[in-house]
Amino acid sequence: MLITIDGPAAAGKGTLAGKLAAKYGLAYFDTGMVYRAVGLEMLLNKKNLSDTDAAIRYARELTFPRMMELSQNPEFRSLAGSKAASVVASIPDVRKALLQMQQDFSKNPIFADGSPACGAIYDGRDTGTVVCPLAEIKLFVTASPEVRAKRRYNEYLQKGLDADYTEVLEQTVARDKNDFSRESSHPAKDAVIFDTSDLSIEEVFAKACEIIENRKKTLEK
């Protein structure tokens, strides 16, 4: 079984994907991690970020277990790591190689320890339209910009970081405008769309499980 979860930033995709993966015994692939993994390989191997050939090589060699290993490194989500990820993500051949890696994973999904899984759940950008267009179940999770900005703002405060809600809201709106300028970031035609603005994570999880169970019954007919 393949499930994709798309939607704008801070809509709750990651939290939902993790809970669903645990419930259904699926491998969880956070597609936003692939560029961070390649970027960190560049940093760890002391490669100049302008070394396109090295970035392409690391992208072609990246495996899911290696990505999960790299995600444990403190630099994975650091400012330096974010910068490196942004640089390598601008290289067309890196994007091409990593898309292939993500699509190949759907054919032979595995858990972080390398053991085989009976399916996978993808969380990230364009998962239902580009990465796994043939997924049996596609969810598009969204919420109002104000709610999503508030969630991200609270995350910053919980981590002890200074944040300004107005600034976070402006960034959220700007990111939405950039993301949805691409047709692939819109909901897939066969995706189930639901708004989480007024729902708790427990309610979102229950609704997602209901959608999945109903879809499974339809597929079994």
N, C-alpha and C. Protein backbone atom coordinates (compact mmCIF):
# COMPACT_ATOMS: atom_id res chain seq x y z
N MET A 1 0.85 -1.20 0.00
CA MET A 1 0.00 0.00 0.00
C MET A 1 0.88 1.24 0.00
N LEU A 2 0.57 2.17 -0.88
CA LEU A 2 1.29 3.43 -0.94
C LEU A 2 0.32 4.57 -0.61
N ILE A 3 0.74 5.42 0.31
CA ILE A 3 -0.06 6.57 0.72
C ILE A 3 0.79 7.82 0.55
N THR A 4 0.24 8.86 -0.01
CA THR A 4 0.95 10.13 -0.12
C THR A 4 0.20 11.20 0.67
N ILE A 5 0.96 12.07 1.31
CA ILE A 5 0.37 13.19 2.04
C ILE A 5 1.02 14.47 1.55
N ASP A 6 0.25 15.26 0.85
CA ASP A 6 0.71 16.55 0.37
C ASP A 6 0.02 17.68 1.14
N GLY A 7 0.48 18.89 0.89
CA GLY A 7 -0.15 20.04 1.52
C GLY A 7 0.87 21.12 1.81
N PRO A 8 0.42 22.30 2.16
CA PRO A 8 1.32 23.42 2.43
C PRO A 8 2.10 23.23 3.73
N ALA A 9 3.08 24.10 3.94
CA ALA A 9 3.92 24.04 5.14
C ALA A 9 3.09 24.18 6.41
N ALA A 10 3.47 23.40 7.43
CA ALA A 10 2.86 23.45 8.77
C ALA A 10 1.39 23.06 8.78
N ALA A 11 0.99 22.26 7.81
CA ALA A 11 -0.39 21.77 7.78
C ALA A 11 -0.55 20.53 8.66
N GLY A 12 0.58 19.97 9.13
CA GLY A 12 0.53 18.79 9.98
C GLY A 12 0.84 17.50 9.25
N LYS A 13 1.45 17.60 8.07
CA LYS A 13 1.73 16.41 7.26
C LYS A 13 2.65 15.43 7.98
N GLY A 14 3.74 15.94 8.53
CA GLY A 14 4.73 15.07 9.15
C GLY A 14 4.19 14.31 10.35
N THR A 15 3.51 15.02 11.22
CA THR A 15 2.93 14.38 12.42
C THR A 15 1.94 13.31 12.02
N LEU A 16 1.09 13.64 11.06
CA LEU A 16 0.08 12.68 10.60
C LEU A 16 0.74 11.47 9.93
N ALA A 17 1.73 11.72 9.09
CA ALA A 17 2.41 10.63 8.38
C ALA A 17 3.06 9.66 9.36
N GLY A 18 3.69 10.21 10.39
CA GLY A 18 4.34 9.36 11.38
C GLY A 18 3.36 8.46 12.10
N LYS A 19 2.21 9.01 12.48
CA LYS A 19 1.19 8.23 13.19
C LYS A 19 0.58 7.16 12.29
N LEU A 20 0.35 7.52 11.03
CA LEU A 20 -0.23 6.55 10.10
C LEU A 20 0.76 5.43 9.77
N ALA A 21 2.03 5.79 9.64
CA ALA A 21 3.05 4.78 9.35
C ALA A 21 3.11 3.76 10.48
N ALA A 22 3.01 4.25 11.72
CA ALA A 22 3.05 3.35 12.87
C ALA A 22 1.82 2.45 12.91
N LYS A 23 0.66 3.03 12.63
CA LYS A 23 -0.59 2.26 12.70
C LYS A 23 -0.63 1.16 11.63
N TYR A 24 -0.22 1.49 10.42
CA TYR A 24 -0.36 0.55 9.31
C TYR A 24 0.93 -0.23 9.00
N GLY A 25 1.97 -0.01 9.78
CA GLY A 25 3.22 -0.75 9.56
C GLY A 25 3.89 -0.41 8.25
N LEU A 26 3.89 0.88 7.89
CA LEU A 26 4.46 1.31 6.62
C LEU A 26 5.80 2.02 6.83
N ALA A 27 6.66 1.96 5.83
CA ALA A 27 7.89 2.73 5.86
C ALA A 27 7.52 4.20 5.66
N TYR A 28 8.16 5.09 6.38
CA TYR A 28 7.85 6.52 6.32
C TYR A 28 8.97 7.25 5.60
N PHE A 29 8.62 7.89 4.49
CA PHE A 29 9.60 8.63 3.69
C PHE A 29 9.25 10.11 3.71
N ASP A 30 10.06 10.88 4.41
CA ASP A 30 9.93 12.34 4.41
C ASP A 30 10.77 12.85 3.24
N THR A 31 10.11 13.21 2.14
CA THR A 31 10.85 13.55 0.93
C THR A 31 11.65 14.84 1.05
N GLY A 32 11.35 15.65 2.06
CA GLY A 32 12.12 16.87 2.25
C GLY A 32 13.54 16.61 2.74
N MET A 33 13.80 15.36 3.15
CA MET A 33 15.11 15.03 3.71
C MET A 33 16.17 14.77 2.65
N VAL A 34 15.77 14.47 1.43
CA VAL A 34 16.76 14.03 0.44
C VAL A 34 17.80 15.10 0.12
N TYR A 35 17.36 16.35 0.02
CA TYR A 35 18.31 17.41 -0.31
C TYR A 35 19.21 17.73 0.87
N ARG A 36 18.66 17.62 2.07
CA ARG A 36 19.49 17.82 3.26
C ARG A 36 20.57 16.75 3.34
N ALA A 37 20.20 15.53 2.95
CA ALA A 37 21.16 14.43 2.99
C ALA A 37 22.33 14.69 2.03
N VAL A 38 22.02 15.09 0.82
CA VAL A 38 23.08 15.37 -0.16
C VAL A 38 23.91 16.56 0.29
N GLY A 39 23.23 17.59 0.80
CA GLY A 39 23.95 18.77 1.27
C GLY A 39 24.91 18.42 2.40
N LEU A 40 24.46 17.57 3.31
CA LEU A 40 25.31 17.18 4.44
C LEU A 40 26.49 16.32 3.97
N GLU A 41 26.27 15.48 2.98
CA GLU A 41 27.38 14.71 2.42
C GLU A 41 28.46 15.66 1.90
N MET A 42 28.03 16.73 1.28
CA MET A 42 28.99 17.72 0.77
C MET A 42 29.80 18.33 1.91
N LEU A 43 29.11 18.66 2.99
CA LEU A 43 29.78 19.29 4.13
C LEU A 43 30.73 18.30 4.82
N LEU A 44 30.25 17.08 5.05
CA LEU A 44 31.06 16.09 5.76
C LEU A 44 32.31 15.70 4.98
N ASN A 45 32.20 15.73 3.66
CA ASN A 45 33.34 15.38 2.81
C ASN A 45 34.14 16.61 2.35
N LYS A 46 33.81 17.75 2.99
CA LYS A 46 34.53 19.01 2.75
C LYS A 46 34.57 19.38 1.27
N LYS A 47 33.43 19.20 0.61
CA LYS A 47 33.31 19.58 -0.79
C LYS A 47 32.78 21.01 -0.89
N ASN A 48 33.30 21.74 -1.84
CA ASN A 48 32.77 23.07 -2.09
C ASN A 48 31.35 22.93 -2.63
N LEU A 49 30.42 23.74 -2.14
CA LEU A 49 29.03 23.63 -2.57
C LEU A 49 28.85 23.92 -4.06
N SER A 50 29.86 24.51 -4.68
CA SER A 50 29.79 24.78 -6.12
C SER A 50 30.27 23.57 -6.93
N ASP A 51 30.70 22.51 -6.24
CA ASP A 51 31.18 21.30 -6.92
C ASP A 51 29.97 20.48 -7.38
N THR A 52 29.48 20.81 -8.55
CA THR A 52 28.28 20.17 -9.09
C THR A 52 28.46 18.67 -9.28
N ASP A 53 29.62 18.26 -9.77
CA ASP A 53 29.86 16.84 -10.03
C ASP A 53 29.76 16.02 -8.74
N ALA A 54 30.30 16.57 -7.65
CA ALA A 54 30.26 15.86 -6.37
C ALA A 54 28.82 15.74 -5.88
N ALA A 55 28.05 16.82 -6.00
CA ALA A 55 26.66 16.81 -5.55
C ALA A 55 25.85 15.78 -6.32
N ILE A 56 26.07 15.72 -7.63
CA ILE A 56 25.35 14.75 -8.46
C ILE A 56 25.74 13.33 -8.07
N ARG A 57 27.01 13.11 -7.80
CA ARG A 57 27.47 11.78 -7.41
C ARG A 57 26.83 11.34 -6.09
N TYR A 58 26.80 12.23 -5.10
CA TYR A 58 26.19 11.88 -3.82
C TYR A 58 24.69 11.63 -3.98
N ALA A 59 24.05 12.38 -4.86
CA ALA A 59 22.62 12.18 -5.09
C ALA A 59 22.36 10.81 -5.70
N ARG A 60 23.19 10.42 -6.64
CA ARG A 60 23.01 9.12 -7.31
C ARG A 60 23.32 7.96 -6.37
N GLU A 61 24.19 8.20 -5.39
CA GLU A 61 24.59 7.13 -4.47
C GLU A 61 23.70 7.06 -3.23
N LEU A 62 22.85 8.05 -3.01
CA LEU A 62 22.07 8.11 -1.79
C LEU A 62 21.08 6.95 -1.68
N THR A 63 21.05 6.32 -0.52
CA THR A 63 20.08 5.27 -0.23
C THR A 63 19.23 5.72 0.96
N PHE A 64 18.11 5.07 1.13
CA PHE A 64 17.23 5.42 2.24
C PHE A 64 17.93 5.21 3.60
N PRO A 65 18.58 4.06 3.85
CA PRO A 65 19.27 3.89 5.13
C PRO A 65 20.34 4.96 5.36
N ARG A 66 21.07 5.33 4.31
CA ARG A 66 22.10 6.36 4.46
C ARG A 66 21.46 7.70 4.82
N MET A 67 20.34 8.01 4.19
CA MET A 67 19.64 9.25 4.49
C MET A 67 19.20 9.28 5.96
N MET A 68 18.69 8.17 6.45
CA MET A 68 18.26 8.10 7.83
C MET A 68 19.45 8.21 8.79
N GLU A 69 20.58 7.65 8.39
CA GLU A 69 21.79 7.76 9.20
C GLU A 69 22.24 9.22 9.28
N LEU A 70 22.23 9.89 8.14
CA LEU A 70 22.64 11.30 8.10
C LEU A 70 21.69 12.19 8.90
N SER A 71 20.43 11.81 8.96
CA SER A 71 19.44 12.63 9.68
C SER A 71 19.71 12.71 11.17
N GLN A 72 20.55 11.81 11.68
CA GLN A 72 20.90 11.82 13.10
C GLN A 72 22.04 12.79 13.41
N ASN A 73 22.68 13.28 12.37
CA ASN A 73 23.78 14.23 12.55
C ASN A 73 23.24 15.59 12.97
N PRO A 74 23.81 16.23 13.99
CA PRO A 74 23.33 17.54 14.46
C PRO A 74 23.30 18.61 13.36
N GLU A 75 24.15 18.43 12.34
CA GLU A 75 24.21 19.44 11.28
C GLU A 75 23.11 19.26 10.23
N PHE A 76 22.36 18.15 10.35
CA PHE A 76 21.35 17.85 9.33
C PHE A 76 20.33 18.98 9.19
N ARG A 77 19.90 19.53 10.31
CA ARG A 77 18.90 20.61 10.28
C ARG A 77 19.46 21.94 10.77
N SER A 78 20.76 22.07 10.75
CA SER A 78 21.39 23.32 11.15
C SER A 78 21.26 24.36 10.04
N LEU A 79 21.64 25.58 10.33
CA LEU A 79 21.60 26.63 9.30
C LEU A 79 22.54 26.28 8.15
N ALA A 80 23.71 25.74 8.49
CA ALA A 80 24.67 25.35 7.45
C ALA A 80 24.09 24.22 6.61
N GLY A 81 23.42 23.29 7.27
CA GLY A 81 22.81 22.18 6.55
C GLY A 81 21.70 22.64 5.64
N SER A 82 20.92 23.61 6.11
CA SER A 82 19.83 24.15 5.30
C SER A 82 20.37 24.87 4.07
N LYS A 83 21.46 25.61 4.26
CA LYS A 83 22.07 26.32 3.13
C LYS A 83 22.59 25.33 2.09
N ALA A 84 23.26 24.28 2.56
CA ALA A 84 23.80 23.28 1.64
C ALA A 84 22.68 22.59 0.88
N ALA A 85 21.59 22.28 1.59
CA ALA A 85 20.44 21.63 0.94
C ALA A 85 19.86 22.52 -0.15
N SER A 86 19.77 23.81 0.14
CA SER A 86 19.21 24.75 -0.82
C SER A 86 20.08 24.84 -2.08
N VAL A 87 21.40 24.82 -1.88
CA VAL A 87 22.32 24.93 -3.02
C VAL A 87 22.22 23.70 -3.91
N VAL A 88 22.28 22.51 -3.32
CA VAL A 88 22.26 21.29 -4.15
C VAL A 88 20.90 21.08 -4.80
N ALA A 89 19.84 21.59 -4.15
CA ALA A 89 18.50 21.42 -4.71
C ALA A 89 18.31 22.22 -5.99
N SER A 90 19.19 23.19 -6.23
CA SER A 90 19.08 24.02 -7.44
C SER A 90 19.74 23.36 -8.64
N ILE A 91 20.38 22.20 -8.44
CA ILE A 91 21.09 21.51 -9.52
C ILE A 91 20.13 20.52 -10.18
N PRO A 92 19.77 20.72 -11.45
CA PRO A 92 18.80 19.85 -12.13
C PRO A 92 19.11 18.36 -12.05
N ASP A 93 20.37 17.98 -12.26
CA ASP A 93 20.70 16.55 -12.25
C ASP A 93 20.62 15.96 -10.85
N VAL A 94 20.79 16.78 -9.82
CA VAL A 94 20.61 16.31 -8.45
C VAL A 94 19.13 16.03 -8.22
N ARG A 95 18.29 16.95 -8.64
CA ARG A 95 16.85 16.77 -8.49
C ARG A 95 16.38 15.53 -9.25
N LYS A 96 16.91 15.33 -10.45
CA LYS A 96 16.54 14.18 -11.27
C LYS A 96 16.92 12.87 -10.57
N ALA A 97 18.15 12.82 -10.04
CA ALA A 97 18.63 11.61 -9.37
C ALA A 97 17.82 11.31 -8.11
N LEU A 98 17.49 12.34 -7.36
CA LEU A 98 16.77 12.14 -6.11
C LEU A 98 15.30 11.78 -6.36
N LEU A 99 14.74 12.28 -7.44
CA LEU A 99 13.37 11.88 -7.79
C LEU A 99 13.36 10.40 -8.13
N GLN A 100 14.37 9.96 -8.87
CA GLN A 100 14.46 8.55 -9.23
C GLN A 100 14.60 7.69 -7.97
N MET A 101 15.42 8.16 -7.02
CA MET A 101 15.62 7.43 -5.77
C MET A 101 14.31 7.30 -5.00
N GLN A 102 13.54 8.39 -4.95
CA GLN A 102 12.25 8.37 -4.24
C GLN A 102 11.25 7.44 -4.93
N GLN A 103 11.24 7.46 -6.23
CA GLN A 103 10.31 6.60 -6.97
C GLN A 103 10.70 5.13 -6.86
N ASP A 104 12.00 4.85 -6.87
CA ASP A 104 12.47 3.47 -6.73
C ASP A 104 12.09 2.92 -5.35
N PHE A 105 12.10 3.78 -4.36
CA PHE A 105 11.77 3.35 -2.99
C PHE A 105 10.34 2.81 -2.92
N SER A 106 9.44 3.40 -3.71
CA SER A 106 8.04 2.96 -3.67
C SER A 106 7.88 1.54 -4.18
N LYS A 107 8.82 1.07 -5.00
CA LYS A 107 8.75 -0.28 -5.56
C LYS A 107 9.29 -1.32 -4.57
N ASN A 108 10.24 -0.91 -3.74
CA ASN A 108 10.83 -1.82 -2.75
C ASN A 108 11.03 -1.05 -1.43
N PRO A 109 9.94 -0.70 -0.76
CA PRO A 109 10.06 0.09 0.47
C PRO A 109 10.73 -0.69 1.60
N ILE A 110 11.55 0.01 2.36
CA ILE A 110 12.23 -0.59 3.51
C ILE A 110 12.16 0.36 4.69
N PHE A 111 12.36 -0.21 5.88
CA PHE A 111 12.41 0.62 7.08
C PHE A 111 13.83 1.17 7.24
N ALA A 112 14.02 2.04 8.21
CA ALA A 112 15.32 2.67 8.40
C ALA A 112 16.44 1.67 8.63
N ASP A 113 16.10 0.50 9.20
CA ASP A 113 17.13 -0.51 9.46
C ASP A 113 17.40 -1.42 8.26
N GLY A 114 16.72 -1.15 7.16
CA GLY A 114 16.94 -1.93 5.95
C GLY A 114 16.00 -3.11 5.77
N SER A 115 15.17 -3.38 6.75
CA SER A 115 14.24 -4.50 6.63
C SER A 115 13.08 -4.12 5.71
N PRO A 116 12.53 -5.08 4.98
CA PRO A 116 11.46 -4.79 4.01
C PRO A 116 10.15 -4.37 4.67
N ALA A 117 9.43 -3.51 4.00
CA ALA A 117 8.12 -3.04 4.48
C ALA A 117 7.06 -3.44 3.46
N CYS A 118 5.81 -3.52 3.92
CA CYS A 118 4.72 -3.93 3.02
C CYS A 118 4.16 -2.76 2.23
N GLY A 119 4.70 -1.58 2.48
CA GLY A 119 4.25 -0.39 1.77
C GLY A 119 4.92 0.84 2.34
N ALA A 120 4.55 2.00 1.85
CA ALA A 120 5.19 3.23 2.31
C ALA A 120 4.21 4.38 2.34
N ILE A 121 4.54 5.34 3.19
CA ILE A 121 3.78 6.58 3.25
C ILE A 121 4.75 7.72 2.98
N TYR A 122 4.41 8.54 2.01
CA TYR A 122 5.26 9.66 1.61
C TYR A 122 4.69 10.98 2.13
N ASP A 123 5.57 11.78 2.69
CA ASP A 123 5.17 13.10 3.19
C ASP A 123 6.10 14.13 2.56
N GLY A 124 5.53 15.13 1.91
CA GLY A 124 6.38 16.17 1.33
C GLY A 124 5.72 16.91 0.20
N ARG A 125 6.53 17.43 -0.68
CA ARG A 125 6.04 18.21 -1.82
C ARG A 125 5.79 17.32 -3.03
N ASP A 126 4.69 17.51 -3.68
CA ASP A 126 4.40 16.86 -4.97
C ASP A 126 4.43 15.33 -4.90
N THR A 127 4.17 14.77 -3.74
CA THR A 127 4.27 13.31 -3.62
C THR A 127 3.16 12.59 -4.38
N GLY A 128 1.96 13.16 -4.39
CA GLY A 128 0.86 12.51 -5.08
C GLY A 128 0.78 12.84 -6.56
N THR A 129 1.49 13.87 -6.99
CA THR A 129 1.44 14.29 -8.39
C THR A 129 2.69 13.91 -9.18
N VAL A 130 3.85 13.91 -8.52
CA VAL A 130 5.11 13.66 -9.23
C VAL A 130 5.83 12.41 -8.73
N VAL A 131 6.01 12.31 -7.41
CA VAL A 131 6.78 11.20 -6.86
C VAL A 131 6.04 9.87 -6.99
N CYS A 132 4.80 9.83 -6.52
CA CYS A 132 4.01 8.59 -6.57
C CYS A 132 2.62 8.84 -7.16
N PRO A 133 2.56 9.16 -8.45
CA PRO A 133 1.27 9.47 -9.07
C PRO A 133 0.31 8.28 -9.09
N LEU A 134 0.84 7.04 -8.89
CA LEU A 134 0.00 5.85 -8.92
C LEU A 134 -0.34 5.34 -7.52
N ALA A 135 -0.06 6.12 -6.50
CA ALA A 135 -0.37 5.71 -5.13
C ALA A 135 -1.86 5.42 -4.98
N GLU A 136 -2.17 4.38 -4.20
CA GLU A 136 -3.58 4.00 -4.02
C GLU A 136 -4.37 5.02 -3.21
N ILE A 137 -3.69 5.66 -2.25
CA ILE A 137 -4.37 6.61 -1.37
C ILE A 137 -3.59 7.92 -1.33
N LYS A 138 -4.27 9.00 -1.65
CA LYS A 138 -3.63 10.32 -1.65
C LYS A 138 -4.41 11.27 -0.76
N LEU A 139 -3.71 11.89 0.16
CA LEU A 139 -4.32 12.87 1.05
C LEU A 139 -3.69 14.23 0.79
N PHE A 140 -4.50 15.25 0.85
CA PHE A 140 -3.99 16.62 0.75
C PHE A 140 -4.48 17.35 1.99
N VAL A 141 -3.54 17.60 2.90
CA VAL A 141 -3.87 18.20 4.19
C VAL A 141 -3.57 19.69 4.15
N THR A 142 -4.51 20.48 4.57
CA THR A 142 -4.30 21.92 4.54
C THR A 142 -4.89 22.59 5.78
N ALA A 143 -4.66 23.87 5.92
CA ALA A 143 -5.20 24.67 7.02
C ALA A 143 -5.00 26.13 6.61
N SER A 144 -5.69 27.02 7.26
CA SER A 144 -5.57 28.43 6.90
C SER A 144 -4.14 28.92 7.17
N PRO A 145 -3.67 29.93 6.44
CA PRO A 145 -2.32 30.46 6.68
C PRO A 145 -2.13 30.91 8.13
N GLU A 146 -3.17 31.49 8.72
CA GLU A 146 -3.08 31.98 10.10
C GLU A 146 -2.85 30.83 11.08
N VAL A 147 -3.59 29.75 10.89
CA VAL A 147 -3.44 28.59 11.77
C VAL A 147 -2.06 27.96 11.60
N ARG A 148 -1.62 27.81 10.36
CA ARG A 148 -0.32 27.19 10.12
C ARG A 148 0.82 28.06 10.66
N ALA A 149 0.68 29.37 10.52
CA ALA A 149 1.71 30.28 11.05
C ALA A 149 1.75 30.20 12.57
N LYS A 150 0.59 30.07 13.20
CA LYS A 150 0.53 29.95 14.65
C LYS A 150 1.19 28.66 15.11
N ARG A 151 0.97 27.59 14.38
CA ARG A 151 1.60 26.30 14.71
C ARG A 151 3.12 26.41 14.62
N ARG A 152 3.61 27.00 13.54
CA ARG A 152 5.06 27.14 13.35
C ARG A 152 5.64 28.07 14.41
N TYR A 153 4.92 29.14 14.72
CA TYR A 153 5.34 30.10 15.76
C TYR A 153 5.49 29.38 17.10
N ASN A 154 4.52 28.55 17.44
CA ASN A 154 4.56 27.81 18.71
C ASN A 154 5.73 26.82 18.73
N GLU A 155 6.01 26.23 17.58
CA GLU A 155 7.14 25.30 17.48
C GLU A 155 8.45 26.03 17.82
N TYR A 156 8.60 27.23 17.28
CA TYR A 156 9.80 28.01 17.56
C TYR A 156 9.92 28.31 19.05
N LEU A 157 8.82 28.71 19.66
CA LEU A 157 8.85 29.05 21.08
C LEU A 157 9.19 27.82 21.93
N GLN A 158 8.63 26.67 21.56
CA GLN A 158 8.91 25.44 22.30
C GLN A 158 10.38 25.05 22.22
N LYS A 159 11.03 25.44 21.14
CA LYS A 159 12.45 25.13 20.96
C LYS A 159 13.33 26.22 21.58
N GLY A 160 12.70 27.22 22.20
CA GLY A 160 13.46 28.29 22.82
C GLY A 160 13.99 29.32 21.86
N LEU A 161 13.40 29.38 20.67
CA LEU A 161 13.85 30.32 19.65
C LEU A 161 12.98 31.58 19.66
N ASP A 162 13.60 32.71 19.39
CA ASP A 162 12.85 33.96 19.28
C ASP A 162 12.04 33.93 17.99
N ALA A 163 10.81 34.40 18.05
CA ALA A 163 9.97 34.42 16.86
C ALA A 163 8.94 35.52 16.97
N ASP A 164 8.53 36.02 15.83
CA ASP A 164 7.49 37.05 15.76
C ASP A 164 6.37 36.49 14.90
N TYR A 165 5.18 36.39 15.46
CA TYR A 165 4.06 35.77 14.74
C TYR A 165 3.80 36.45 13.40
N THR A 166 3.81 37.77 13.37
CA THR A 166 3.52 38.49 12.13
C THR A 166 4.53 38.12 11.04
N GLU A 167 5.79 38.02 11.44
CA GLU A 167 6.83 37.66 10.48
C GLU A 167 6.65 36.23 9.98
N VAL A 168 6.30 35.33 10.90
CA VAL A 168 6.08 33.93 10.52
C VAL A 168 4.91 33.82 9.56
N LEU A 169 3.85 34.61 9.81
CA LEU A 169 2.68 34.60 8.92
C LEU A 169 3.06 35.10 7.54
N GLU A 170 3.85 36.16 7.48
CA GLU A 170 4.28 36.70 6.19
C GLU A 170 5.09 35.66 5.42
N GLN A 171 5.97 34.94 6.13
CA GLN A 171 6.78 33.91 5.49
C GLN A 171 5.90 32.76 4.99
N THR A 172 4.88 32.43 5.76
CA THR A 172 3.96 31.35 5.37
C THR A 172 3.21 31.71 4.09
N VAL A 173 2.71 32.92 4.03
CA VAL A 173 1.97 33.38 2.86
C VAL A 173 2.89 33.43 1.63
N ALA A 174 4.11 33.91 1.84
CA ALA A 174 5.07 34.00 0.73
C ALA A 174 5.44 32.61 0.21
N ARG A 175 5.62 31.68 1.14
CA ARG A 175 5.97 30.31 0.72
C ARG A 175 4.81 29.67 -0.03
N ASP A 176 3.59 29.91 0.42
CA ASP A 176 2.42 29.38 -0.28
C ASP A 176 2.38 29.90 -1.71
N LYS A 177 2.63 31.18 -1.87
CA LYS A 177 2.58 31.79 -3.20
C LYS A 177 3.62 31.15 -4.11
N ASN A 178 4.82 30.92 -3.57
CA ASN A 178 5.89 30.30 -4.36
C ASN A 178 5.56 28.85 -4.69
N ASP A 179 5.11 28.10 -3.67
CA ASP A 179 4.82 26.68 -3.88
C ASP A 179 3.71 26.47 -4.89
N PHE A 180 2.63 27.22 -4.74
CA PHE A 180 1.47 26.97 -5.58
C PHE A 180 1.53 27.64 -6.94
N SER A 181 2.70 28.22 -7.23
CA SER A 181 2.92 28.72 -8.59
C SER A 181 3.20 27.53 -9.50
N ARG A 182 3.50 26.36 -8.88
CA ARG A 182 3.75 25.13 -9.63
C ARG A 182 2.49 24.28 -9.63
N GLU A 183 2.08 23.83 -10.79
CA GLU A 183 0.87 23.02 -10.91
C GLU A 183 0.97 21.74 -10.10
N SER A 184 2.17 21.18 -10.02
CA SER A 184 2.36 19.91 -9.31
C SER A 184 2.12 20.03 -7.81
N SER A 185 2.14 21.25 -7.28
CA SER A 185 1.92 21.43 -5.84
C SER A 185 0.44 21.55 -5.49
N HIS A 186 -0.40 21.57 -6.50
CA HIS A 186 -1.84 21.57 -6.25
C HIS A 186 -2.28 20.13 -5.97
N PRO A 187 -3.42 19.93 -5.34
CA PRO A 187 -3.87 18.56 -5.03
C PRO A 187 -3.99 17.70 -6.29
N ALA A 188 -3.60 16.44 -6.17
CA ALA A 188 -3.80 15.51 -7.27
C ALA A 188 -5.30 15.37 -7.50
N LYS A 189 -5.69 15.07 -8.72
CA LYS A 189 -7.11 14.99 -9.05
C LYS A 189 -7.83 13.93 -8.24
N ASP A 190 -7.10 12.88 -7.83
CA ASP A 190 -7.73 11.81 -7.06
C ASP A 190 -7.39 11.87 -5.57
N ALA A 191 -6.93 13.03 -5.11
CA ALA A 191 -6.60 13.18 -3.69
C ALA A 191 -7.83 13.56 -2.88
N VAL A 192 -7.85 13.13 -1.64
CA VAL A 192 -8.90 13.54 -0.70
C VAL A 192 -8.37 14.74 0.06
N ILE A 193 -9.08 15.85 -0.01
CA ILE A 193 -8.63 17.09 0.62
C ILE A 193 -9.39 17.31 1.92
N PHE A 194 -8.65 17.61 2.99
CA PHE A 194 -9.36 18.00 4.20
C PHE A 194 -8.59 19.07 4.97
N ASP A 195 -9.35 19.97 5.56
CA ASP A 195 -8.83 21.13 6.26
C ASP A 195 -8.68 20.81 7.75
N THR A 196 -7.50 21.05 8.29
CA THR A 196 -7.23 20.72 9.69
C THR A 196 -7.28 21.94 10.61
N SER A 197 -7.74 23.07 10.09
CA SER A 197 -7.70 24.32 10.85
C SER A 197 -8.34 24.20 12.22
N ASP A 198 -9.48 23.54 12.29
CA ASP A 198 -10.23 23.45 13.55
C ASP A 198 -10.17 22.06 14.17
N LEU A 199 -9.18 21.26 13.77
CA LEU A 199 -9.09 19.90 14.26
C LEU A 199 -7.82 19.69 15.09
N SER A 200 -7.93 18.86 16.13
CA SER A 200 -6.75 18.47 16.90
C SER A 200 -6.04 17.37 16.12
N ILE A 201 -4.81 17.04 16.51
CA ILE A 201 -4.08 15.99 15.80
C ILE A 201 -4.82 14.66 15.93
N GLU A 202 -5.47 14.45 17.08
CA GLU A 202 -6.23 13.21 17.26
C GLU A 202 -7.40 13.15 16.28
N GLU A 203 -8.05 14.28 16.07
CA GLU A 203 -9.18 14.33 15.14
C GLU A 203 -8.70 14.18 13.70
N VAL A 204 -7.56 14.78 13.39
CA VAL A 204 -6.99 14.65 12.05
C VAL A 204 -6.62 13.19 11.78
N PHE A 205 -6.01 12.56 12.76
CA PHE A 205 -5.61 11.16 12.63
C PHE A 205 -6.83 10.26 12.42
N ALA A 206 -7.87 10.49 13.20
CA ALA A 206 -9.08 9.68 13.09
C ALA A 206 -9.72 9.85 11.71
N LYS A 207 -9.74 11.07 11.22
CA LYS A 207 -10.34 11.34 9.91
C LYS A 207 -9.52 10.68 8.80
N ALA A 208 -8.19 10.76 8.92
CA ALA A 208 -7.32 10.15 7.92
C ALA A 208 -7.51 8.63 7.90
N CYS A 209 -7.62 8.04 9.09
CA CYS A 209 -7.81 6.58 9.17
C CYS A 209 -9.14 6.19 8.53
N GLU A 210 -10.17 7.00 8.73
CA GLU A 210 -11.47 6.73 8.12
C GLU A 210 -11.38 6.77 6.61
N ILE A 211 -10.67 7.77 6.09
CA ILE A 211 -10.49 7.90 4.64
C ILE A 211 -9.75 6.69 4.09
N ILE A 212 -8.69 6.29 4.78
CA ILE A 212 -7.88 5.15 4.32
C ILE A 212 -8.68 3.86 4.34
N GLU A 213 -9.42 3.63 5.42
CA GLU A 213 -10.21 2.40 5.53
C GLU A 213 -11.28 2.34 4.44
N ASN A 214 -11.92 3.46 4.17
CA ASN A 214 -12.94 3.50 3.12
C ASN A 214 -12.32 3.26 1.75
N ARG A 215 -11.12 3.83 1.54
CA ARG A 215 -10.45 3.65 0.27
C ARG A 215 -10.03 2.19 0.09
N LYS A 216 -9.55 1.57 1.16
CA LYS A 216 -9.14 0.17 1.09
C LYS A 216 -10.32 -0.74 0.73
N LYS A 217 -11.49 -0.43 1.28
CA LYS A 217 -12.67 -1.22 0.97
C LYS A 217 -13.03 -1.08 -0.51
N THR A 218 -12.88 0.14 -1.03
CA THR A 218 -13.19 0.38 -2.44
C THR A 218 -12.22 -0.40 -3.34
N LEU A 219 -10.94 -0.40 -2.95
CA LEU A 219 -9.93 -1.10 -3.75
C LEU A 219 -10.11 -2.60 -3.72
N GLU A 220 -10.68 -3.10 -2.64
CA GLU A 220 -10.88 -4.55 -2.49
C GLU A 220 -12.05 -5.07 -3.28
N LYS A 221 -12.93 -4.19 -3.72
CA LYS A 221 -14.12 -4.63 -4.46
C LYS A 221 -13.75 -5.08 -5.87
